[in-house]
Protein backbone atom coordinates (compact mmCIF):
# COMPACT_ATOMS: atom_id res chain seq x y z
CA MET A 1 -35.64 -70.63 -52.45
CA ARG A 2 -34.68 -67.24 -51.02
CA ILE A 3 -37.43 -65.09 -49.52
CA GLU A 4 -37.49 -61.95 -51.63
CA GLU A 5 -40.46 -60.12 -50.14
CA HIS A 6 -42.18 -60.17 -46.77
CA PRO A 7 -45.15 -58.11 -45.55
CA ILE A 8 -43.41 -57.10 -42.31
CA LEU A 9 -39.65 -57.66 -42.66
CA LYS A 10 -37.19 -55.74 -44.81
CA PHE A 11 -34.18 -57.55 -46.22
CA LYS A 12 -30.91 -55.64 -46.48
CA ARG A 13 -28.56 -57.62 -48.66
CA GLY A 14 -24.92 -56.93 -49.27
CA LYS A 15 -23.17 -57.54 -52.53
CA LYS A 16 -23.37 -60.90 -54.26
CA ILE A 17 -20.38 -63.10 -53.38
CA LYS A 18 -19.12 -66.56 -54.30
CA PHE A 19 -18.33 -69.46 -52.00
CA LYS A 20 -17.82 -73.20 -52.42
CA PHE A 21 -19.93 -76.04 -51.09
CA GLU A 22 -18.51 -79.53 -51.50
CA GLY A 23 -16.24 -78.10 -54.22
CA LYS A 24 -19.09 -76.52 -56.23
CA THR A 25 -19.16 -72.73 -56.65
CA MET A 26 -22.31 -71.06 -55.34
CA GLU A 27 -23.52 -67.51 -54.80
CA GLY A 28 -24.83 -65.77 -51.72
CA TYR A 29 -24.98 -62.28 -50.24
CA GLU A 30 -22.68 -60.56 -47.79
CA GLY A 31 -24.37 -60.42 -44.41
CA GLU A 32 -26.46 -63.57 -44.72
CA THR A 33 -25.59 -66.75 -42.86
CA VAL A 34 -23.91 -69.73 -44.45
CA ALA A 35 -27.00 -71.89 -43.82
CA ALA A 36 -29.32 -69.31 -45.42
CA ALA A 37 -27.09 -69.10 -48.50
CA LEU A 38 -27.01 -72.90 -48.79
CA HIS A 39 -30.80 -73.06 -48.43
CA ALA A 40 -31.22 -70.41 -51.14
CA ASN A 41 -29.03 -72.55 -53.40
CA GLY A 42 -31.29 -75.57 -52.87
CA ILE A 43 -29.10 -77.34 -50.29
CA LEU A 44 -31.56 -78.64 -47.71
CA VAL A 45 -29.47 -81.37 -46.06
CA LEU A 46 -26.57 -79.92 -44.06
CA GLY A 47 -25.41 -83.13 -42.40
CA GLU A 48 -26.58 -86.31 -40.74
CA SER A 49 -27.23 -87.57 -37.23
CA LEU A 50 -24.31 -89.35 -35.58
CA GLU A 51 -25.91 -92.68 -34.74
CA LYS A 52 -28.61 -93.32 -37.31
CA HIS A 53 -27.19 -91.16 -40.13
CA ARG A 54 -30.51 -89.43 -40.71
CA PRO A 55 -30.46 -86.19 -42.71
CA ARG A 56 -30.34 -82.91 -40.81
CA GLY A 57 -31.28 -79.52 -42.16
CA PHE A 58 -31.78 -75.88 -41.23
CA TYR A 59 -33.67 -76.12 -37.92
CA CYS A 60 -33.44 -73.53 -35.12
CA ALA A 61 -31.56 -70.75 -36.98
CA ILE A 62 -30.31 -69.27 -33.67
CA GLY A 63 -27.34 -71.50 -32.81
CA ASN A 64 -29.03 -73.62 -30.12
CA CYS A 65 -29.13 -77.01 -31.83
CA SER A 66 -26.46 -78.95 -33.70
CA SER A 67 -28.34 -79.58 -36.95
CA CYS A 68 -26.27 -77.09 -38.95
CA LEU A 69 -22.76 -78.09 -37.84
CA MET A 70 -20.46 -78.12 -40.86
CA GLU A 71 -16.81 -77.76 -41.75
CA VAL A 72 -16.02 -74.18 -42.83
CA ASP A 73 -12.57 -73.34 -44.19
CA GLY A 74 -11.23 -76.55 -42.63
CA ILE A 75 -12.68 -75.86 -39.17
CA PRO A 76 -15.19 -78.48 -37.93
CA ASN A 77 -18.30 -77.93 -35.82
CA VAL A 78 -19.14 -74.46 -37.16
CA LYS A 79 -22.74 -73.43 -36.53
CA THR A 80 -23.62 -72.29 -40.03
CA CYS A 81 -26.98 -70.82 -39.00
CA VAL A 82 -25.21 -67.99 -37.15
CA THR A 83 -21.95 -67.78 -39.14
CA LYS A 84 -21.88 -64.96 -41.69
CA LEU A 85 -21.02 -65.88 -45.26
CA GLU A 86 -17.72 -64.53 -46.59
CA GLU A 87 -16.26 -64.34 -50.09
CA GLY A 88 -14.36 -67.52 -50.98
CA MET A 89 -15.47 -69.62 -48.01
CA GLU A 90 -15.16 -73.36 -48.44
CA VAL A 91 -18.03 -75.23 -46.81
CA ASN A 92 -18.31 -79.01 -46.53
CA LYS A 93 -20.65 -81.47 -44.88
CA GLN A 94 -19.15 -82.85 -41.74
CA LYS A 95 -18.58 -86.54 -41.14
CA GLY A 96 -19.02 -87.81 -37.60
CA LYS A 97 -18.20 -85.50 -34.70
CA GLY A 98 -15.88 -83.34 -36.75
CA GLU A 99 -12.25 -83.54 -35.82
CA LEU A 100 -9.42 -81.18 -36.70
CA LYS A 101 -7.23 -82.55 -39.45
C-alpha cells in the first residue's frame, strides 16, 4: 500500500526500521510519518470518533484535524500524520480523549 513510483514526486527513503503497533512488529522507513508507515502496513483505521465510535483514518496529512491522534510511546494525542517514525516506537490506538497514565 506504499506508493513506490510517482510521475512528478521523488521519494527519498531512509533505512528500513521496526516499530510496534498494538504489540505487533511492523516495518517502516526512517523519515516517513507514523501514519504513512501504518497505512503502508495495511492499517487504515487509526482510531474512532469520541461520541459515535466511528472509524477514523488518515485524512488531512498536515496536522490540522484530529483523525490521526494516537498514543505513541505512552504519550496520548500524538498527531501521527506529522510525527516521524523512529526505530522501536510503540504505537497504539487511543481510547477516548487520551489521558496520561
